[in-house]
Amino acid sequence: DGMRKAMMASGAVVNTDLPTESLKMAMTIVATGPILLA
């Protein structure tokens, strides 16, 4: 998030393919997967 905000503040074009929302979901899977299996 900090990298995206810095790019927007500097006027650079933010890459829409940079996974932010999908990264949050992937983090949820990685964080909850082992406890669900146990």
PDB file of all heavy atoms in Angstrom:
ATOM      1  N   ASP A   1       0.828  -1.217   0.000  1.00  0.00           N
ATOM      2  CA  ASP A   1       0.000   0.000   0.000  1.00  0.00           C
ATOM      3  C   ASP A   1       0.855   1.256   0.000  1.00  0.00           C
ATOM      4  O   ASP A   1       0.527   2.250  -0.664  1.00  0.00           O
ATOM      5  CB  ASP A   1      -0.929  -0.009   1.220  1.00  0.00           C
ATOM      6  CG  ASP A   1      -2.003  -1.082   1.115  1.00  0.00           C
ATOM      7  OD1 ASP A   1      -2.304  -1.506  -0.022  1.00  0.00           O
ATOM      8  OD2 ASP A   1      -2.532  -1.493   2.165  1.00  0.00           O
ATOM      9  N   GLY A   2       1.957   1.226   0.765  1.00  0.00           N
ATOM     10  CA  GLY A   2       2.839   2.383   0.790  1.00  0.00           C
ATOM     11  C   GLY A   2       3.476   2.651  -0.564  1.00  0.00           C
ATOM     12  O   GLY A   2       3.633   3.812  -0.972  1.00  0.00           O
ATOM     13  N   MET A   3       3.817   1.592  -1.282  1.00  0.00           N
ATOM     14  CA  MET A   3       4.407   1.766  -2.602  1.00  0.00           C
ATOM     15  C   MET A   3       3.393   2.368  -3.574  1.00  0.00           C
ATOM     16  O   MET A   3       3.731   3.260  -4.361  1.00  0.00           O
ATOM     17  CB  MET A   3       4.912   0.422  -3.120  1.00  0.00           C
ATOM     18  CG  MET A   3       5.653   0.495  -4.449  1.00  0.00           C
ATOM     19  SD  MET A   3       6.449  -1.062  -4.878  1.00  0.00           S
ATOM     20  CE  MET A   3       5.016  -2.138  -4.985  1.00  0.00           C
ATOM     21  N   ARG A   4       2.148   1.933  -3.509  1.00  0.00           N
ATOM     22  CA  ARG A   4       1.109   2.481  -4.391  1.00  0.00           C
ATOM     23  C   ARG A   4       0.858   3.962  -4.095  1.00  0.00           C
ATOM     24  O   ARG A   4       0.729   4.783  -5.000  1.00  0.00           O
ATOM     25  CB  ARG A   4      -0.192   1.693  -4.230  1.00  0.00           C
ATOM     26  CG  ARG A   4      -0.146   0.286  -4.819  1.00  0.00           C
ATOM     27  CD  ARG A   4      -1.449  -0.436  -4.555  1.00  0.00           C
ATOM     28  NE  ARG A   4      -2.552   0.226  -5.232  1.00  0.00           N
ATOM     29  CZ  ARG A   4      -2.992  -0.107  -6.442  1.00  0.00           C
ATOM     30  NH1 ARG A   4      -2.402  -1.086  -7.117  1.00  0.00           N
ATOM     31  NH2 ARG A   4      -4.010   0.531  -6.989  1.00  0.00           N
ATOM     32  N   LYS A   5       0.807   4.313  -2.813  1.00  0.00           N
ATOM     33  CA  LYS A   5       0.568   5.705  -2.434  1.00  0.00           C
ATOM     34  C   LYS A   5       1.734   6.596  -2.846  1.00  0.00           C
ATOM     35  O   LYS A   5       1.534   7.737  -3.264  1.00  0.00           O
ATOM     36  CB  LYS A   5       0.322   5.804  -0.929  1.00  0.00           C
ATOM     37  CG  LYS A   5      -0.991   5.182  -0.482  1.00  0.00           C
ATOM     38  CD  LYS A   5      -1.164   5.270   1.028  1.00  0.00           C
ATOM     39  CE  LYS A   5      -2.472   4.631   1.461  1.00  0.00           C
ATOM     40  NZ  LYS A   5      -2.646   4.669   2.936  1.00  0.00           N
ATOM     41  N   ALA A   6       2.953   6.079  -2.713  1.00  0.00           N
ATOM     42  CA  ALA A   6       4.125   6.858  -3.120  1.00  0.00           C
ATOM     43  C   ALA A   6       4.130   7.096  -4.617  1.00  0.00           C
ATOM     44  O   ALA A   6       4.473   8.185  -5.095  1.00  0.00           O
ATOM     45  CB  ALA A   6       5.400   6.135  -2.681  1.00  0.00           C
ATOM     46  N   MET A   7       3.735   6.091  -5.402  1.00  0.00           N
ATOM     47  CA  MET A   7       3.663   6.245  -6.855  1.00  0.00           C
ATOM     48  C   MET A   7       2.596   7.258  -7.251  1.00  0.00           C
ATOM     49  O   MET A   7       2.793   8.079  -8.151  1.00  0.00           O
ATOM     50  CB  MET A   7       3.385   4.887  -7.500  1.00  0.00           C
ATOM     51  CG  MET A   7       4.526   3.884  -7.376  1.00  0.00           C
ATOM     52  SD  MET A   7       4.101   2.234  -7.980  1.00  0.00           S
ATOM     53  CE  MET A   7       3.823   2.607  -9.732  1.00  0.00           C
ATOM     54  N   MET A   8       1.446   7.214  -6.551  1.00  0.00           N
ATOM     55  CA  MET A   8       0.376   8.170  -6.845  1.00  0.00           C
ATOM     56  C   MET A   8       0.784   9.574  -6.455  1.00  0.00           C
ATOM     57  O   MET A   8       0.475  10.555  -7.145  1.00  0.00           O
ATOM     58  CB  MET A   8      -0.905   7.748  -6.124  1.00  0.00           C
ATOM     59  CG  MET A   8      -1.506   6.437  -6.615  1.00  0.00           C
ATOM     60  SD  MET A   8      -2.956   5.919  -5.651  1.00  0.00           S
ATOM     61  CE  MET A   8      -4.056   7.299  -5.973  1.00  0.00           C
ATOM     62  N   ALA A   9       1.503   9.734  -5.330  1.00  0.00           N
ATOM     63  CA  ALA A   9       1.926  11.065  -4.883  1.00  0.00           C
ATOM     64  C   ALA A   9       2.973  11.671  -5.811  1.00  0.00           C
ATOM     65  O   ALA A   9       3.024  12.890  -5.991  1.00  0.00           O
ATOM     66  CB  ALA A   9       2.469  10.980  -3.460  1.00  0.00           C
ATOM     67  N   SER A  10       3.796  10.840  -6.411  1.00  0.00           N
ATOM     68  CA  SER A  10       4.829  11.346  -7.314  1.00  0.00           C
ATOM     69  C   SER A  10       4.322  11.584  -8.725  1.00  0.00           C
ATOM     70  O   SER A  10       5.071  12.051  -9.580  1.00  0.00           O
ATOM     71  CB  SER A  10       6.005  10.358  -7.345  1.00  0.00           C
ATOM     72  OG  SER A  10       5.581   9.109  -7.856  1.00  0.00           O
ATOM     73  N   GLY A  11       3.061  11.242  -8.976  1.00  0.00           N
ATOM     74  CA  GLY A  11       2.484  11.441 -10.296  1.00  0.00           C
ATOM     75  C   GLY A  11       2.780  10.332 -11.268  1.00  0.00           C
ATOM     76  O   GLY A  11       2.449  10.433 -12.457  1.00  0.00           O
ATOM     77  N   ALA A  12       3.378   9.260 -10.803  1.00  0.00           N
ATOM     78  CA  ALA A  12       3.688   8.136 -11.688  1.00  0.00           C
ATOM     79  C   ALA A  12       2.418   7.347 -11.984  1.00  0.00           C
ATOM     80  O   ALA A  12       1.438   7.385 -11.230  1.00  0.00           O
ATOM     81  CB  ALA A  12       4.732   7.233 -11.049  1.00  0.00           C
ATOM     82  N   VAL A  13       2.429   6.639 -13.078  1.00  0.00           N
ATOM     83  CA  VAL A  13       1.290   5.815 -13.477  1.00  0.00           C
ATOM     84  C   VAL A  13       1.295   4.545 -12.630  1.00  0.00           C
ATOM     85  O   VAL A  13       2.286   3.804 -12.611  1.00  0.00           O
ATOM     86  CB  VAL A  13       1.354   5.456 -14.970  1.00  0.00           C
ATOM     87  CG1 VAL A  13       0.184   4.554 -15.356  1.00  0.00           C
ATOM     88  CG2 VAL A  13       1.355   6.732 -15.813  1.00  0.00           C
ATOM     89  N   VAL A  14       0.198   4.329 -11.927  1.00  0.00           N
ATOM     90  CA  VAL A  14       0.090   3.159 -11.068  1.00  0.00           C
ATOM     91  C   VAL A  14      -0.329   1.967 -11.908  1.00  0.00           C
ATOM     92  O   VAL A  14      -1.320   2.024 -12.640  1.00  0.00           O
ATOM     93  CB  VAL A  14      -0.931   3.398  -9.931  1.00  0.00           C
ATOM     94  CG1 VAL A  14      -1.033   2.161  -9.049  1.00  0.00           C
ATOM     95  CG2 VAL A  14      -0.518   4.610  -9.113  1.00  0.00           C
ATOM     96  N   ASN A  15       0.396   0.899 -11.809  1.00  0.00           N
ATOM     97  CA  ASN A  15       0.082  -0.315 -12.555  1.00  0.00           C
ATOM     98  C   ASN A  15      -1.142  -0.987 -11.949  1.00  0.00           C
ATOM     99  O   ASN A  15      -1.125  -1.412 -10.793  1.00  0.00           O
ATOM    100  CB  ASN A  15       1.283  -1.274 -12.521  1.00  0.00           C
ATOM    101  CG  ASN A  15       1.066  -2.489 -13.403  1.00  0.00           C
ATOM    102  OD1 ASN A  15       0.083  -2.561 -14.145  1.00  0.00           O
ATOM    103  ND2 ASN A  15       1.983  -3.442 -13.309  1.00  0.00           N
ATOM    104  N   THR A  16      -2.219  -1.075 -12.716  1.00  0.00           N
ATOM    105  CA  THR A  16      -3.456  -1.685 -12.206  1.00  0.00           C
ATOM    106  C   THR A  16      -3.324  -3.190 -12.030  1.00  0.00           C
ATOM    107  O   THR A  16      -4.158  -3.809 -11.372  1.00  0.00           O
ATOM    108  CB  THR A  16      -4.631  -1.388 -13.157  1.00  0.00           C
ATOM    109  OG1 THR A  16      -4.288  -1.866 -14.476  1.00  0.00           O
ATOM    110  CG2 THR A  16      -4.909   0.088 -13.225  1.00  0.00           C
ATOM    111  N   ASP A  17      -2.297  -3.781 -12.651  1.00  0.00           N
ATOM    112  CA  ASP A  17      -2.098  -5.217 -12.509  1.00  0.00           C
ATOM    113  C   ASP A  17      -1.332  -5.565 -11.238  1.00  0.00           C
ATOM    114  O   ASP A  17      -1.116  -6.747 -10.943  1.00  0.00           O
ATOM    115  CB  ASP A  17      -1.341  -5.771 -13.721  1.00  0.00           C
ATOM    116  CG  ASP A  17      -2.187  -5.708 -14.991  1.00  0.00           C
ATOM    117  OD1 ASP A  17      -3.431  -5.764 -14.861  1.00  0.00           O
ATOM    118  OD2 ASP A  17      -1.609  -5.594 -16.094  1.00  0.00           O
ATOM    119  N   LEU A  18      -0.888  -4.545 -10.499  1.00  0.00           N
ATOM    120  CA  LEU A  18      -0.184  -4.810  -9.255  1.00  0.00           C
ATOM    121  C   LEU A  18      -1.167  -5.427  -8.255  1.00  0.00           C
ATOM    122  O   LEU A  18      -2.149  -4.782  -7.869  1.00  0.00           O
ATOM    123  CB  LEU A  18       0.391  -3.507  -8.689  1.00  0.00           C
ATOM    124  CG  LEU A  18       1.377  -3.637  -7.523  1.00  0.00           C
ATOM    125  CD1 LEU A  18       2.649  -4.352  -7.961  1.00  0.00           C
ATOM    126  CD2 LEU A  18       1.709  -2.263  -6.966  1.00  0.00           C
ATOM    127  N   PRO A  19      -0.966  -6.662  -7.849  1.00  0.00           N
ATOM    128  CA  PRO A  19      -1.982  -7.350  -7.033  1.00  0.00           C
ATOM    129  C   PRO A  19      -2.055  -6.798  -5.616  1.00  0.00           C
ATOM    130  O   PRO A  19      -1.155  -7.017  -4.802  1.00  0.00           O
ATOM    131  CB  PRO A  19      -1.495  -8.808  -7.040  1.00  0.00           C
ATOM    132  CG  PRO A  19      -0.027  -8.712  -7.251  1.00  0.00           C
ATOM    133  CD  PRO A  19       0.194  -7.501  -8.122  1.00  0.00           C
ATOM    134  N   THR A  20      -3.131  -6.076  -5.354  1.00  0.00           N
ATOM    135  CA  THR A  20      -3.373  -5.574  -4.004  1.00  0.00           C
ATOM    136  C   THR A  20      -4.542  -6.307  -3.362  1.00  0.00           C
ATOM    137  O   THR A  20      -4.407  -6.907  -2.292  1.00  0.00           O
ATOM    138  CB  THR A  20      -3.654  -4.065  -4.032  1.00  0.00           C
ATOM    139  OG1 THR A  20      -2.536  -3.387  -4.621  1.00  0.00           O
ATOM    140  CG2 THR A  20      -3.867  -3.533  -2.626  1.00  0.00           C
ATOM    141  N   GLU A  21      -5.690  -6.260  -4.035  1.00  0.00           N
ATOM    142  CA  GLU A  21      -6.863  -6.955  -3.512  1.00  0.00           C
ATOM    143  C   GLU A  21      -6.666  -8.467  -3.558  1.00  0.00           C
ATOM    144  O   GLU A  21      -7.006  -9.173  -2.605  1.00  0.00           O
ATOM    145  CB  GLU A  21      -8.107  -6.560  -4.310  1.00  0.00           C
ATOM    146  CG  GLU A  21      -8.459  -5.082  -4.228  1.00  0.00           C
ATOM    147  CD  GLU A  21      -8.744  -4.634  -2.816  1.00  0.00           C
ATOM    148  OE1 GLU A  21      -9.272  -5.455  -2.038  1.00  0.00           O
ATOM    149  OE2 GLU A  21      -8.427  -3.483  -2.472  1.00  0.00           O
ATOM    150  N   SER A  22      -6.147  -8.964  -4.665  1.00  0.00           N
ATOM    151  CA  SER A  22      -5.909 -10.410  -4.755  1.00  0.00           C
ATOM    152  C   SER A  22      -4.841 -10.854  -3.761  1.00  0.00           C
ATOM    153  O   SER A  22      -4.882 -11.981  -3.247  1.00  0.00           O
ATOM    154  CB  SER A  22      -5.501 -10.789  -6.181  1.00  0.00           C
ATOM    155  OG  SER A  22      -4.330 -10.091  -6.575  1.00  0.00           O
ATOM    156  N   LEU A  23      -3.888  -9.962  -3.460  1.00  0.00           N
ATOM    157  CA  LEU A  23      -2.859 -10.287  -2.472  1.00  0.00           C
ATOM    158  C   LEU A  23      -3.468 -10.424  -1.084  1.00  0.00           C
ATOM    159  O   LEU A  23      -3.084 -11.308  -0.312  1.00  0.00           O
ATOM    160  CB  LEU A  23      -1.769  -9.211  -2.476  1.00  0.00           C
ATOM    161  CG  LEU A  23      -0.601  -9.435  -1.512  1.00  0.00           C
ATOM    162  CD1 LEU A  23       0.167 -10.700  -1.883  1.00  0.00           C
ATOM    163  CD2 LEU A  23       0.331  -8.232  -1.517  1.00  0.00           C
ATOM    164  N   LYS A  24      -4.442  -9.565  -0.765  1.00  0.00           N
ATOM    165  CA  LYS A  24      -5.119  -9.680   0.531  1.00  0.00           C
ATOM    166  C   LYS A  24      -5.818 -11.030   0.661  1.00  0.00           C
ATOM    167  O   LYS A  24      -5.776 -11.672   1.715  1.00  0.00           O
ATOM    168  CB  LYS A  24      -6.144  -8.549   0.682  1.00  0.00           C
ATOM    169  CG  LYS A  24      -5.537  -7.158   0.767  1.00  0.00           C
ATOM    170  CD  LYS A  24      -6.625  -6.110   0.855  1.00  0.00           C
ATOM    171  CE  LYS A  24      -6.040  -4.704   0.869  1.00  0.00           C
ATOM    172  NZ  LYS A  24      -7.115  -3.661   0.907  1.00  0.00           N
ATOM    173  N   MET A  25      -6.476 -11.460  -0.418  1.00  0.00           N
ATOM    174  CA  MET A  25      -7.173 -12.739  -0.384  1.00  0.00           C
ATOM    175  C   MET A  25      -6.185 -13.900  -0.289  1.00  0.00           C
ATOM    176  O   MET A  25      -6.425 -14.883   0.428  1.00  0.00           O
ATOM    177  CB  MET A  25      -8.041 -12.890  -1.641  1.00  0.00           C
ATOM    178  CG  MET A  25      -9.074 -11.800  -1.795  1.00  0.00           C
ATOM    179  SD  MET A  25     -10.150 -11.690  -0.343  1.00  0.00           S
ATOM    180  CE  MET A  25     -11.016 -10.149  -0.674  1.00  0.00           C
ATOM    181  N   ALA A  26      -5.068 -13.791  -1.004  1.00  0.00           N
ATOM    182  CA  ALA A  26      -4.049 -14.839  -0.924  1.00  0.00           C
ATOM    183  C   ALA A  26      -3.460 -14.920   0.483  1.00  0.00           C
ATOM    184  O   ALA A  26      -3.180 -16.018   0.997  1.00  0.00           O
ATOM    185  CB  ALA A  26      -2.947 -14.572  -1.944  1.00  0.00           C
ATOM    186  N   MET A  27      -3.292 -13.767   1.123  1.00  0.00           N
ATOM    187  CA  MET A  27      -2.804 -13.755   2.503  1.00  0.00           C
ATOM    188  C   MET A  27      -3.786 -14.443   3.442  1.00  0.00           C
ATOM    189  O   MET A  27      -3.387 -15.153   4.372  1.00  0.00           O
ATOM    190  CB  MET A  27      -2.571 -12.313   2.956  1.00  0.00           C
ATOM    191  CG  MET A  27      -1.357 -11.658   2.353  1.00  0.00           C
ATOM    192  SD  MET A  27      -1.172  -9.949   2.935  1.00  0.00           S
ATOM    193  CE  MET A  27       0.366  -9.511   2.159  1.00  0.00           C
ATOM    194  N   THR A  28      -5.076 -14.226   3.190  1.00  0.00           N
ATOM    195  CA  THR A  28      -6.093 -14.876   4.018  1.00  0.00           C
ATOM    196  C   THR A  28      -6.006 -16.391   3.891  1.00  0.00           C
ATOM    197  O   THR A  28      -6.102 -17.116   4.888  1.00  0.00           O
ATOM    198  CB  THR A  28      -7.490 -14.394   3.605  1.00  0.00           C
ATOM    199  OG1 THR A  28      -7.545 -12.971   3.690  1.00  0.00           O
ATOM    200  CG2 THR A  28      -8.554 -14.994   4.495  1.00  0.00           C
ATOM    201  N   ILE A  29      -5.820 -16.879   2.674  1.00  0.00           N
ATOM    202  CA  ILE A  29      -5.699 -18.321   2.456  1.00  0.00           C
ATOM    203  C   ILE A  29      -4.464 -18.870   3.151  1.00  0.00           C
ATOM    204  O   ILE A  29      -4.504 -19.906   3.827  1.00  0.00           O
ATOM    205  CB  ILE A  29      -5.658 -18.632   0.950  1.00  0.00           C
ATOM    206  CG1 ILE A  29      -6.941 -18.173   0.261  1.00  0.00           C
ATOM    207  CG2 ILE A  29      -5.431 -20.121   0.719  1.00  0.00           C
ATOM    208  CD1 ILE A  29      -8.181 -18.860   0.756  1.00  0.00           C
ATOM    209  N   VAL A  30      -3.349 -18.177   2.991  1.00  0.00           N
ATOM    210  CA  VAL A  30      -2.091 -18.636   3.592  1.00  0.00           C
ATOM    211  C   VAL A  30      -2.173 -18.631   5.115  1.00  0.00           C
ATOM    212  O   VAL A  30      -1.662 -19.535   5.792  1.00  0.00           O
ATOM    213  CB  VAL A  30      -0.922 -17.749   3.111  1.00  0.00           C
ATOM    214  CG1 VAL A  30       0.347 -18.045   3.895  1.00  0.00           C
ATOM    215  CG2 VAL A  30      -0.678 -17.975   1.625  1.00  0.00           C
ATOM    216  N   ALA A  31      -2.863 -17.621   5.683  1.00  0.00           N
ATOM    217  CA  ALA A  31      -2.928 -17.483   7.139  1.00  0.00           C
ATOM    218  C   ALA A  31      -3.906 -18.451   7.778  1.00  0.00           C
ATOM    219  O   ALA A  31      -3.691 -18.909   8.900  1.00  0.00           O
ATOM    220  CB  ALA A  31      -3.299 -16.044   7.505  1.00  0.00           C
ATOM    221  N   THR A  32      -5.004 -18.764   7.081  1.00  0.00           N
ATOM    222  CA  THR A  32      -6.040 -19.615   7.678  1.00  0.00           C
ATOM    223  C   THR A  32      -5.949 -21.069   7.252  1.00  0.00           C
ATOM    224  O   THR A  32      -6.581 -21.926   7.880  1.00  0.00           O
ATOM    225  CB  THR A  32      -7.434 -19.086   7.303  1.00  0.00           C
ATOM    226  OG1 THR A  32      -7.572 -19.089   5.871  1.00  0.00           O
ATOM    227  CG2 THR A  32      -7.648 -17.688   7.825  1.00  0.00           C
ATOM    228  N   GLY A  33      -5.182 -21.364   6.198  1.00  0.00           N
ATOM    229  CA  GLY A  33      -5.116 -22.727   5.689  1.00  0.00           C
ATOM    230  C   GLY A  33      -4.703 -23.759   6.720  1.00  0.00           C
ATOM    231  O   GLY A  33      -5.423 -24.750   6.941  1.00  0.00           O
ATOM    232  N   PRO A  34      -3.559 -23.595   7.384  1.00  0.00           N
ATOM    233  CA  PRO A  34      -3.114 -24.624   8.341  1.00  0.00           C
ATOM    234  C   PRO A  34      -4.075 -24.837   9.502  1.00  0.00           C
ATOM    235  O   PRO A  34      -4.291 -25.971   9.924  1.00  0.00           O
ATOM    236  CB  PRO A  34      -1.770 -24.057   8.841  1.00  0.00           C
ATOM    237  CG  PRO A  34      -1.307 -23.167   7.743  1.00  0.00           C
ATOM    238  CD  PRO A  34      -2.548 -22.557   7.174  1.00  0.00           C
ATOM    239  N   ILE A  35      -4.669 -23.759  10.013  1.00  0.00           N
ATOM    240  CA  ILE A  35      -5.576 -23.920  11.155  1.00  0.00           C
ATOM    241  C   ILE A  35      -6.863 -24.610  10.726  1.00  0.00           C
ATOM    242  O   ILE A  35      -7.487 -25.341  11.497  1.00  0.00           O
ATOM    243  CB  ILE A  35      -5.863 -22.545  11.807  1.00  0.00           C
ATOM    244  CG1 ILE A  35      -6.206 -22.709  13.285  1.00  0.00           C
ATOM    245  CG2 ILE A  35      -6.937 -21.781  11.079  1.00  0.00           C
ATOM    246  CD1 ILE A  35      -5.062 -23.090  14.157  1.00  0.00           C
ATOM    247  N   LEU A  36      -7.293 -24.422   9.465  1.00  0.00           N
ATOM    248  CA  LEU A  36      -8.461 -25.130   8.955  1.00  0.00           C
ATOM    249  C   LEU A  36      -8.172 -26.613   8.781  1.00  0.00           C
ATOM    250  O   LEU A  36      -9.041 -27.455   9.025  1.00  0.00           O
ATOM    251  CB  LEU A  36      -8.903 -24.525   7.617  1.00  0.00           C
ATOM    252  CG  LEU A  36      -9.579 -23.156   7.670  1.00  0.00           C
ATOM    253  CD1 LEU A  36      -9.874 -22.662   6.257  1.00  0.00           C
ATOM    254  CD2 LEU A  36     -10.864 -23.217   8.477  1.00  0.00           C
ATOM    255  N   LEU A  37      -6.965 -26.948   8.366  1.00  0.00           N
ATOM    256  CA  LEU A  37      -6.596 -28.344   8.215  1.00  0.00           C
ATOM    257  C   LEU A  37      -6.468 -29.050   9.562  1.00  0.00           C
ATOM    258  O   LEU A  37      -6.713 -30.254   9.668  1.00  0.00           O
ATOM    259  CB  LEU A  37      -5.271 -28.456   7.448  1.00  0.00           C
ATOM    260  CG  LEU A  37      -5.299 -27.986   5.990  1.00  0.00           C
ATOM    261  CD1 LEU A  37      -3.900 -28.052   5.390  1.00  0.00           C
ATOM    262  CD2 LEU A  37      -6.273 -28.813   5.167  1.00  0.00           C
ATOM    263  N   ALA A  38      -6.091 -28.309  10.598  1.00  0.00           N
ATOM    264  CA  ALA A  38      -5.926 -28.920  11.919  1.00  0.00           C
ATOM    265  C   ALA A  38      -7.255 -29.081  12.651  1.00  0.00           C
ATOM    266  O   ALA A  38      -7.366 -29.937  13.540  1.00  0.00           O
ATOM    267  CB  ALA A  38      -4.975 -28.069  12.775  1.00  0.00           C
TER     268      ALA A  38
END
